N, C-alpha and C. Protein backbone atom coordinates (compact mmCIF):
# COMPACT_ATOMS: atom_id res chain seq x y z
N MET A 1 102.88 124.05 133.56
CA MET A 1 101.37 124.01 133.33
C MET A 1 100.71 122.92 134.35
N GLY A 2 100.06 123.16 135.30
CA GLY A 2 99.36 122.33 136.09
C GLY A 2 98.14 121.70 135.37
N PHE A 3 97.62 120.65 136.00
CA PHE A 3 96.31 120.19 135.59
C PHE A 3 95.20 121.07 135.70
N SER A 4 94.36 121.44 134.91
CA SER A 4 93.27 122.19 135.19
C SER A 4 92.37 122.08 134.09
N GLY A 5 91.24 121.36 134.11
CA GLY A 5 90.59 121.19 133.01
C GLY A 5 89.04 120.53 133.33
N THR A 6 88.63 120.07 132.36
CA THR A 6 87.17 119.32 132.53
C THR A 6 87.43 117.96 132.08
N CYS A 7 86.92 117.32 132.94
CA CYS A 7 86.67 115.57 132.70
C CYS A 7 85.65 115.55 131.80
N LYS A 8 85.91 115.07 130.60
CA LYS A 8 84.69 114.76 129.54
C LYS A 8 84.77 113.40 129.30
N VAL A 9 83.62 112.65 129.44
CA VAL A 9 83.54 111.26 129.44
C VAL A 9 82.36 111.10 128.12
N MET A 10 82.86 110.35 127.12
CA MET A 10 81.76 110.04 126.23
C MET A 10 81.34 108.58 126.16
N SER A 11 80.10 108.38 126.21
CA SER A 11 79.62 106.94 125.98
C SER A 11 78.67 106.96 124.90
N GLN A 12 78.31 105.87 124.54
CA GLN A 12 77.32 105.81 123.58
C GLN A 12 76.06 106.58 123.65
N ARG A 13 75.58 106.53 125.04
CA ARG A 13 74.36 107.15 125.29
C ARG A 13 74.41 108.77 125.76
N LYS A 14 75.40 109.08 126.28
CA LYS A 14 75.48 110.59 126.83
C LYS A 14 76.79 110.85 126.94
N GLU A 15 77.01 112.34 127.07
CA GLU A 15 78.17 112.90 127.28
C GLU A 15 78.06 113.51 128.64
N VAL A 16 79.18 113.19 129.44
CA VAL A 16 79.19 113.71 130.93
C VAL A 16 80.27 114.39 131.24
N SER A 17 80.16 115.82 131.60
CA SER A 17 81.34 116.62 131.91
C SER A 17 81.33 116.99 133.25
N GLU A 18 82.39 116.94 134.03
CA GLU A 18 82.70 117.51 135.44
C GLU A 18 83.81 118.47 135.45
N THR A 19 83.74 119.60 136.01
CA THR A 19 85.20 120.38 136.34
C THR A 19 86.02 119.79 137.06
N CYS A 20 87.22 119.50 136.90
CA CYS A 20 88.12 118.96 137.60
C CYS A 20 89.34 119.90 138.04
N PRO A 21 89.45 120.38 139.02
CA PRO A 21 90.69 121.45 139.39
C PRO A 21 92.04 120.62 139.24
N ASP A 22 92.20 119.46 139.51
CA ASP A 22 93.37 118.71 139.53
C ASP A 22 93.29 117.30 139.06
N ARG A 23 94.57 116.68 139.14
CA ARG A 23 94.68 115.32 138.43
C ARG A 23 93.92 114.42 139.40
N ASN A 24 93.91 114.40 140.58
CA ASN A 24 93.19 113.54 141.53
C ASN A 24 91.67 113.61 141.31
N LYS A 25 91.36 114.71 141.49
CA LYS A 25 89.98 115.14 141.23
C LYS A 25 89.44 114.60 139.98
N TYR A 26 90.28 114.56 138.89
CA TYR A 26 89.94 114.04 137.59
C TYR A 26 89.79 112.52 137.67
N LEU A 27 90.68 111.96 138.30
CA LEU A 27 90.61 110.53 138.34
C LEU A 27 89.37 110.21 139.21
N GLN A 28 89.19 110.74 140.38
CA GLN A 28 87.97 110.50 141.23
C GLN A 28 86.66 110.74 140.52
N SER A 29 86.48 111.82 139.62
CA SER A 29 85.30 112.02 138.91
C SER A 29 85.22 110.78 137.82
N LEU A 30 86.21 110.22 137.22
CA LEU A 30 85.97 109.14 136.41
C LEU A 30 85.52 107.92 137.22
N GLN A 31 85.93 107.91 138.42
CA GLN A 31 85.35 106.72 139.25
C GLN A 31 83.86 106.84 139.52
N SER A 32 83.49 108.35 139.95
CA SER A 32 82.22 108.70 140.21
C SER A 32 81.36 108.46 138.98
N LEU A 33 81.68 108.54 137.74
CA LEU A 33 80.88 108.66 136.55
C LEU A 33 80.64 107.03 136.10
N GLN A 34 81.34 106.25 136.79
CA GLN A 34 80.97 104.78 136.55
C GLN A 34 79.61 104.15 136.95
N GLY A 35 78.97 105.12 137.64
CA GLY A 35 77.60 104.73 138.19
C GLY A 35 76.55 104.88 137.01
N PHE A 36 76.85 105.82 135.88
CA PHE A 36 75.89 106.08 134.89
C PHE A 36 75.71 104.80 134.09
N PRO A 37 74.37 104.71 133.78
CA PRO A 37 74.03 103.48 133.00
C PRO A 37 74.87 103.50 131.73
N GLY A 38 75.22 102.43 131.28
CA GLY A 38 76.01 102.27 130.14
C GLY A 38 77.51 102.88 130.07
N PHE A 39 78.00 103.40 131.20
CA PHE A 39 79.32 104.11 131.23
C PHE A 39 80.32 102.84 131.03
N ALA A 40 80.34 102.08 131.90
CA ALA A 40 81.35 100.87 131.97
C ALA A 40 81.53 100.15 130.58
N ASP A 41 80.35 99.62 130.06
CA ASP A 41 80.38 98.84 129.00
C ASP A 41 80.33 99.38 127.57
N GLU A 42 80.13 100.67 127.75
CA GLU A 42 80.03 101.33 126.16
C GLU A 42 80.94 102.69 126.26
N LEU A 43 82.03 102.66 127.15
CA LEU A 43 82.85 103.80 127.04
C LEU A 43 83.51 104.12 125.60
N LEU A 44 83.54 105.31 125.20
CA LEU A 44 84.20 105.42 123.74
C LEU A 44 85.50 106.13 124.07
N TYR A 45 85.50 107.18 124.96
CA TYR A 45 86.84 107.76 125.13
C TYR A 45 86.72 108.62 126.65
N THR A 46 87.73 109.09 126.97
CA THR A 46 87.76 110.01 128.31
C THR A 46 89.12 110.75 128.04
N ALA A 47 88.97 112.04 128.23
CA ALA A 47 90.28 112.87 127.95
C ALA A 47 90.10 114.21 128.59
N PRO A 48 91.15 114.52 129.48
CA PRO A 48 91.04 116.00 129.82
C PRO A 48 90.96 117.15 128.87
N ILE A 49 90.26 118.06 129.12
CA ILE A 49 90.06 119.27 128.19
C ILE A 49 91.01 120.45 128.99
N PHE A 50 92.01 120.74 128.55
CA PHE A 50 93.00 121.77 129.30
C PHE A 50 92.43 122.79 128.85
N HIS A 51 92.73 123.91 129.98
CA HIS A 51 92.28 125.23 129.89
C HIS A 51 93.82 125.89 130.11
N TYR A 52 93.76 126.73 129.34
CA TYR A 52 95.42 127.55 129.16
C TYR A 52 95.30 128.76 130.18
N ASN A 53 94.10 129.15 130.68
CA ASN A 53 94.18 130.14 131.77
C ASN A 53 95.06 131.50 131.15
N GLY A 54 94.81 131.98 130.22
CA GLY A 54 95.59 133.03 129.64
C GLY A 54 96.91 132.92 129.00
N LYS A 55 97.48 131.70 129.11
CA LYS A 55 98.68 131.30 128.46
C LYS A 55 98.52 131.54 126.99
N PRO A 56 99.71 132.03 126.25
CA PRO A 56 99.69 132.38 124.94
C PRO A 56 99.54 131.21 123.86
N VAL A 57 99.06 131.11 122.94
CA VAL A 57 99.13 130.03 121.78
C VAL A 57 100.01 130.63 120.66
N TYR A 58 101.11 129.89 120.57
CA TYR A 58 102.20 130.34 119.60
C TYR A 58 101.70 130.08 118.21
N ARG A 59 101.91 130.92 117.37
CA ARG A 59 101.74 130.92 115.79
C ARG A 59 103.09 130.28 115.23
N ALA A 60 103.04 129.84 114.13
CA ALA A 60 104.14 128.96 113.46
C ALA A 60 105.16 129.86 113.49
N GLU A 61 105.16 131.03 112.98
CA GLU A 61 106.46 132.04 112.96
C GLU A 61 107.10 132.27 114.12
N GLN A 62 106.27 132.30 115.17
CA GLN A 62 106.84 132.52 116.42
C GLN A 62 107.71 131.37 117.06
N LEU A 63 107.49 130.23 116.49
CA LEU A 63 108.06 128.94 116.93
C LEU A 63 109.42 128.71 116.11
N GLU A 64 109.66 129.44 115.16
CA GLU A 64 110.71 129.42 114.23
C GLU A 64 112.12 129.47 115.21
N LYS A 65 112.05 130.47 116.10
CA LYS A 65 113.37 130.69 116.70
C LYS A 65 113.77 129.48 117.63
N LEU A 66 112.64 128.44 118.00
CA LEU A 66 113.06 127.19 118.70
C LEU A 66 113.46 126.03 117.72
N LYS A 67 113.44 126.27 116.51
CA LYS A 67 113.66 125.26 115.43
C LYS A 67 115.34 125.04 115.48
N LEU A 68 115.74 123.84 115.33
CA LEU A 68 117.09 123.57 115.20
C LEU A 68 117.67 124.40 113.88
N GLY A 69 118.84 124.86 113.81
CA GLY A 69 119.37 125.54 112.90
C GLY A 69 118.87 127.03 112.64
N ALA A 70 118.02 127.27 113.43
CA ALA A 70 117.26 128.89 113.50
C ALA A 70 118.53 129.73 113.72
N GLU A 71 118.27 130.93 113.21
CA GLU A 71 119.18 131.95 113.29
C GLU A 71 119.09 132.36 114.85
N GLY A 72 120.37 132.66 115.60
CA GLY A 72 120.26 132.88 116.88
C GLY A 72 120.09 131.77 117.84
N GLN A 73 120.05 130.52 117.36
CA GLN A 73 119.88 129.15 118.03
C GLN A 73 120.90 129.17 119.28
N ASP A 74 122.08 129.42 119.04
CA ASP A 74 123.03 129.65 120.38
C ASP A 74 122.38 130.15 121.41
N GLN A 75 122.08 131.56 121.08
CA GLN A 75 121.61 132.30 122.14
C GLN A 75 120.42 131.83 122.75
N THR A 76 119.43 131.23 121.99
CA THR A 76 118.21 130.58 122.55
C THR A 76 118.66 129.60 123.57
N ASP A 77 119.61 128.60 122.98
CA ASP A 77 119.89 127.52 123.94
C ASP A 77 120.62 127.89 125.15
N ARG A 78 121.32 128.98 125.14
CA ARG A 78 121.92 129.69 126.33
C ARG A 78 120.94 130.01 127.21
N MET A 79 119.90 130.71 126.63
CA MET A 79 118.82 131.40 127.62
C MET A 79 118.19 130.22 128.28
N ILE A 80 117.68 128.99 127.55
CA ILE A 80 117.02 128.03 128.06
C ILE A 80 118.01 127.30 129.07
N HIS A 81 119.12 127.12 128.92
CA HIS A 81 120.15 126.80 130.00
C HIS A 81 120.19 127.49 131.26
N ARG A 82 120.23 128.88 130.91
CA ARG A 82 120.23 129.67 132.26
C ARG A 82 119.06 129.77 133.08
N LEU A 83 117.99 129.33 132.29
CA LEU A 83 116.60 129.26 133.23
C LEU A 83 116.61 127.92 134.19
N ASN A 84 117.62 127.02 133.86
CA ASN A 84 117.64 125.94 134.74
C ASN A 84 116.45 125.26 135.22
N ASP A 85 115.51 125.08 133.98
CA ASP A 85 114.42 124.34 134.20
C ASP A 85 114.39 122.95 133.49
N PRO A 86 114.58 121.78 134.20
CA PRO A 86 114.90 120.62 133.38
C PRO A 86 113.49 120.33 132.56
N SER A 87 112.48 120.65 133.06
CA SER A 87 111.04 120.37 132.42
C SER A 87 110.98 121.09 131.21
N LEU A 88 111.45 122.43 131.35
CA LEU A 88 111.40 123.26 129.95
C LEU A 88 112.36 122.80 129.05
N THR A 89 113.69 122.35 129.44
CA THR A 89 114.51 121.86 128.51
C THR A 89 114.21 120.63 127.74
N ALA A 90 113.55 119.76 128.63
CA ALA A 90 112.96 118.39 127.97
C ALA A 90 111.90 118.89 126.98
N GLU A 91 111.05 119.88 127.15
CA GLU A 91 109.93 120.13 126.31
C GLU A 91 110.44 120.79 124.96
N VAL A 92 111.42 121.50 125.01
CA VAL A 92 112.23 121.93 123.95
C VAL A 92 112.95 121.01 123.00
N HIS A 93 113.66 119.92 123.81
CA HIS A 93 114.08 118.85 123.25
C HIS A 93 113.13 118.15 122.50
N ARG A 94 111.98 117.73 123.17
CA ARG A 94 110.83 117.08 122.33
C ARG A 94 110.39 117.76 121.25
N PHE A 95 110.34 119.20 121.30
CA PHE A 95 109.99 120.05 120.12
C PHE A 95 110.86 119.83 118.95
N HIS A 96 112.35 119.91 119.24
CA HIS A 96 113.36 119.51 118.22
C HIS A 96 113.14 118.15 117.59
N VAL A 97 112.92 117.08 118.56
CA VAL A 97 112.75 115.70 117.91
C VAL A 97 111.52 115.58 116.99
N MET A 98 110.42 116.06 117.57
CA MET A 98 109.18 116.05 116.62
C MET A 98 109.25 116.92 115.35
N ALA A 99 110.01 117.99 115.53
CA ALA A 99 110.02 118.86 114.22
C ALA A 99 111.11 117.98 113.14
N GLN A 100 112.01 117.35 113.76
CA GLN A 100 112.89 116.59 112.88
C GLN A 100 112.09 115.34 112.40
N GLU A 101 111.36 114.62 113.06
CA GLU A 101 110.49 113.57 112.64
C GLU A 101 109.57 113.99 111.45
N LEU A 102 108.97 115.02 111.85
CA LEU A 102 107.90 115.51 110.94
C LEU A 102 108.51 116.10 109.51
N GLU A 103 109.90 116.53 109.66
CA GLU A 103 110.53 116.93 108.29
C GLU A 103 110.78 115.81 107.63
N ARG A 104 111.28 114.60 108.35
CA ARG A 104 111.68 113.40 107.58
C ARG A 104 110.53 112.89 106.95
N LEU A 105 109.48 112.76 107.75
CA LEU A 105 108.35 112.16 107.07
C LEU A 105 107.74 112.95 105.89
N GLU A 106 107.87 114.35 105.92
CA GLU A 106 107.45 115.03 104.76
C GLU A 106 108.17 114.80 103.54
N GLU A 107 109.50 114.68 103.76
CA GLU A 107 110.39 114.41 102.63
C GLU A 107 110.10 112.92 102.05
N ALA A 108 109.84 112.14 103.00
CA ALA A 108 109.64 110.88 102.43
C ALA A 108 108.29 110.60 101.54
N ILE A 109 107.30 111.41 102.27
CA ILE A 109 106.00 111.27 101.63
C ILE A 109 106.19 112.00 100.28
N ALA A 110 106.94 113.01 100.11
CA ALA A 110 107.29 113.63 98.81
C ALA A 110 107.77 112.82 98.03
N GLU A 111 108.84 112.05 98.32
CA GLU A 111 109.75 111.12 97.40
C GLU A 111 108.61 110.11 97.01
N SER A 112 107.72 109.57 98.00
CA SER A 112 106.88 108.50 97.71
C SER A 112 105.65 108.89 96.65
N GLU A 113 105.34 110.10 96.69
CA GLU A 113 104.39 110.51 95.83
C GLU A 113 105.15 110.62 94.34
N ASP A 114 106.23 111.28 94.41
CA ASP A 114 106.97 111.33 93.04
C ASP A 114 107.12 109.82 92.35
N ARG A 115 107.41 109.00 93.35
CA ARG A 115 107.70 107.78 92.81
C ARG A 115 106.38 106.86 92.34
N TRP A 116 105.32 107.28 93.12
CA TRP A 116 103.96 106.91 92.76
C TRP A 116 103.61 107.48 91.38
N GLY A 117 103.81 108.65 91.15
CA GLY A 117 103.53 109.20 89.98
C GLY A 117 104.20 108.76 88.61
N GLU A 118 105.49 108.31 88.91
CA GLU A 118 106.25 107.63 87.93
C GLU A 118 105.73 106.22 87.63
N LEU A 119 105.55 105.51 88.66
CA LEU A 119 104.93 104.27 88.51
C LEU A 119 103.54 104.15 87.69
N ALA A 120 102.82 105.18 88.03
CA ALA A 120 101.41 105.22 87.72
C ALA A 120 101.39 105.60 86.21
N GLY A 121 102.32 106.59 85.75
CA GLY A 121 102.89 106.81 84.28
C GLY A 121 103.17 105.60 83.46
N MET A 122 104.23 104.89 84.22
CA MET A 122 104.54 103.66 83.58
C MET A 122 103.31 102.64 83.16
N HIS A 123 102.67 102.62 84.46
CA HIS A 123 101.61 101.60 84.30
C HIS A 123 100.59 101.94 83.11
N CYS A 124 100.26 103.13 82.96
CA CYS A 124 99.44 103.67 81.95
C CYS A 124 100.12 103.30 80.48
N LYS A 125 101.39 103.52 80.51
CA LYS A 125 101.88 103.30 79.19
C LYS A 125 101.70 101.76 78.93
N THR A 126 102.09 100.78 79.83
CA THR A 126 102.09 99.40 79.68
C THR A 126 100.61 99.05 79.44
N ILE A 127 99.46 99.62 80.08
CA ILE A 127 98.23 99.33 79.51
C ILE A 127 97.99 99.74 78.03
N ARG A 128 98.56 100.93 77.57
CA ARG A 128 98.48 101.37 76.25
C ARG A 128 99.21 100.31 75.25
N GLN A 129 100.25 99.90 75.60
CA GLN A 129 100.93 98.81 74.74
C GLN A 129 100.13 97.66 74.90
N LEU A 130 99.38 97.27 75.73
CA LEU A 130 98.49 96.08 75.74
C LEU A 130 97.27 96.26 74.76
N GLU A 131 96.82 97.51 74.87
CA GLU A 131 95.79 97.90 73.88
C GLU A 131 96.29 97.84 72.62
N MET A 132 97.35 98.55 72.34
CA MET A 132 97.97 98.54 70.77
C MET A 132 98.16 97.21 70.38
N ALA A 133 98.59 96.23 71.08
CA ALA A 133 98.73 94.91 70.72
C ALA A 133 97.42 94.16 70.75
N ASP A 134 96.28 94.53 70.96
CA ASP A 134 95.03 93.89 71.16
C ASP A 134 95.19 92.79 71.72
N THR A 135 95.82 92.63 72.97
CA THR A 135 96.18 91.64 73.68
C THR A 135 94.98 90.58 74.11
N LEU A 136 94.07 91.29 74.68
CA LEU A 136 92.90 90.56 75.25
C LEU A 136 92.17 89.67 74.12
N LEU A 137 91.97 90.45 72.89
CA LEU A 137 91.33 89.66 71.61
C LEU A 137 92.14 88.58 71.20
N ARG A 138 93.56 88.75 71.19
CA ARG A 138 94.48 87.73 70.59
C ARG A 138 94.39 86.59 71.62
N ILE A 139 94.25 86.81 73.00
CA ILE A 139 94.18 85.76 74.13
C ILE A 139 92.92 84.87 73.81
N GLN A 140 91.74 85.50 73.60
CA GLN A 140 90.64 85.12 73.49
C GLN A 140 90.46 84.29 72.13
N ASP A 141 91.18 84.75 70.98
CA ASP A 141 91.20 84.09 70.01
C ASP A 141 91.80 82.73 70.03
N GLN A 142 93.18 82.83 70.67
CA GLN A 142 93.79 81.58 71.09
C GLN A 142 93.15 80.62 71.80
N ASP A 143 92.44 81.25 72.85
CA ASP A 143 91.63 80.26 73.66
C ASP A 143 90.58 79.47 72.77
N GLU A 144 89.96 80.36 72.06
CA GLU A 144 88.91 79.74 71.21
C GLU A 144 89.57 78.52 70.19
N GLY A 145 90.75 78.99 69.67
CA GLY A 145 91.40 78.04 68.97
C GLY A 145 91.80 76.72 69.32
N LEU A 146 92.26 76.79 70.68
CA LEU A 146 92.62 75.66 71.29
C LEU A 146 91.31 74.85 71.58
N VAL A 147 90.29 75.49 71.89
CA VAL A 147 88.94 74.58 72.14
C VAL A 147 88.78 73.75 70.75
N ASP A 148 88.70 74.63 69.75
CA ASP A 148 88.47 74.13 68.35
C ASP A 148 89.48 72.98 68.03
N ASP A 149 90.58 73.12 68.50
CA ASP A 149 91.60 71.92 68.14
C ASP A 149 91.26 70.82 69.02
N VAL A 150 90.98 70.92 70.26
CA VAL A 150 90.55 69.71 71.21
C VAL A 150 89.39 69.16 70.41
N LEU A 151 88.33 69.75 70.06
CA LEU A 151 87.05 69.20 69.49
C LEU A 151 87.48 68.61 68.26
N LYS A 152 88.55 69.03 67.50
CA LYS A 152 88.93 68.34 65.95
C LYS A 152 89.51 67.12 66.65
N GLU A 153 90.40 66.78 67.49
CA GLU A 153 91.18 65.68 67.83
C GLU A 153 90.18 64.55 68.42
N ASP A 154 89.09 65.14 69.18
CA ASP A 154 88.16 64.29 69.73
C ASP A 154 87.57 63.58 68.44
N LYS A 155 87.16 64.39 67.64
CA LYS A 155 86.37 63.70 66.53
C LYS A 155 87.31 62.75 65.62
N GLN A 156 88.46 62.96 65.51
CA GLN A 156 89.61 62.13 64.80
C GLN A 156 89.72 60.91 65.62
N CYS A 157 89.65 61.08 66.97
CA CYS A 157 89.77 59.61 67.73
C CYS A 157 88.68 58.86 67.92
N GLY A 158 87.35 59.60 67.41
CA GLY A 158 86.27 58.78 67.56
C GLY A 158 85.40 59.07 68.69
N HIS A 159 85.84 60.12 69.49
CA HIS A 159 85.09 60.50 70.79
C HIS A 159 83.91 61.58 70.42
N ARG A 160 83.01 61.43 71.10
CA ARG A 160 81.73 62.39 70.87
C ARG A 160 82.06 63.63 72.04
N ALA A 161 81.74 64.76 71.54
CA ALA A 161 81.67 65.81 72.33
C ALA A 161 80.41 66.09 73.00
């Protein structure tokens, strides 16, 4: 897929778009846009918007045959090899790596959510135990008792409060 798209530049004041038939034109258009007021000091982002020019957009079920361990993976790998396109081979490899990493992260997130649920439940039980023991009132009573004790000791020693 060659570069074909629109150069879209956002600044805080305005959005500027230019059609860019290739990468060099894209870079040139970025340089030409620098003349707009507020462009250089307020640039938010710049990114090409690719046009697929009739290329297909794959659905998830169509991509299943490219996944590692898919039925017929050996045949798919042989066909990719026979195409003798290093760029295509690299893209399929990147697809495999990204799919594996996504799967690993999904599993880690699910495990973390389970663990979080367990900890939240245990924390709620701990709070309930504190409530059942009336912990805060007992601490407050103890604190007030210590103050009373200190005041009594001061009176006994002849100090004034």
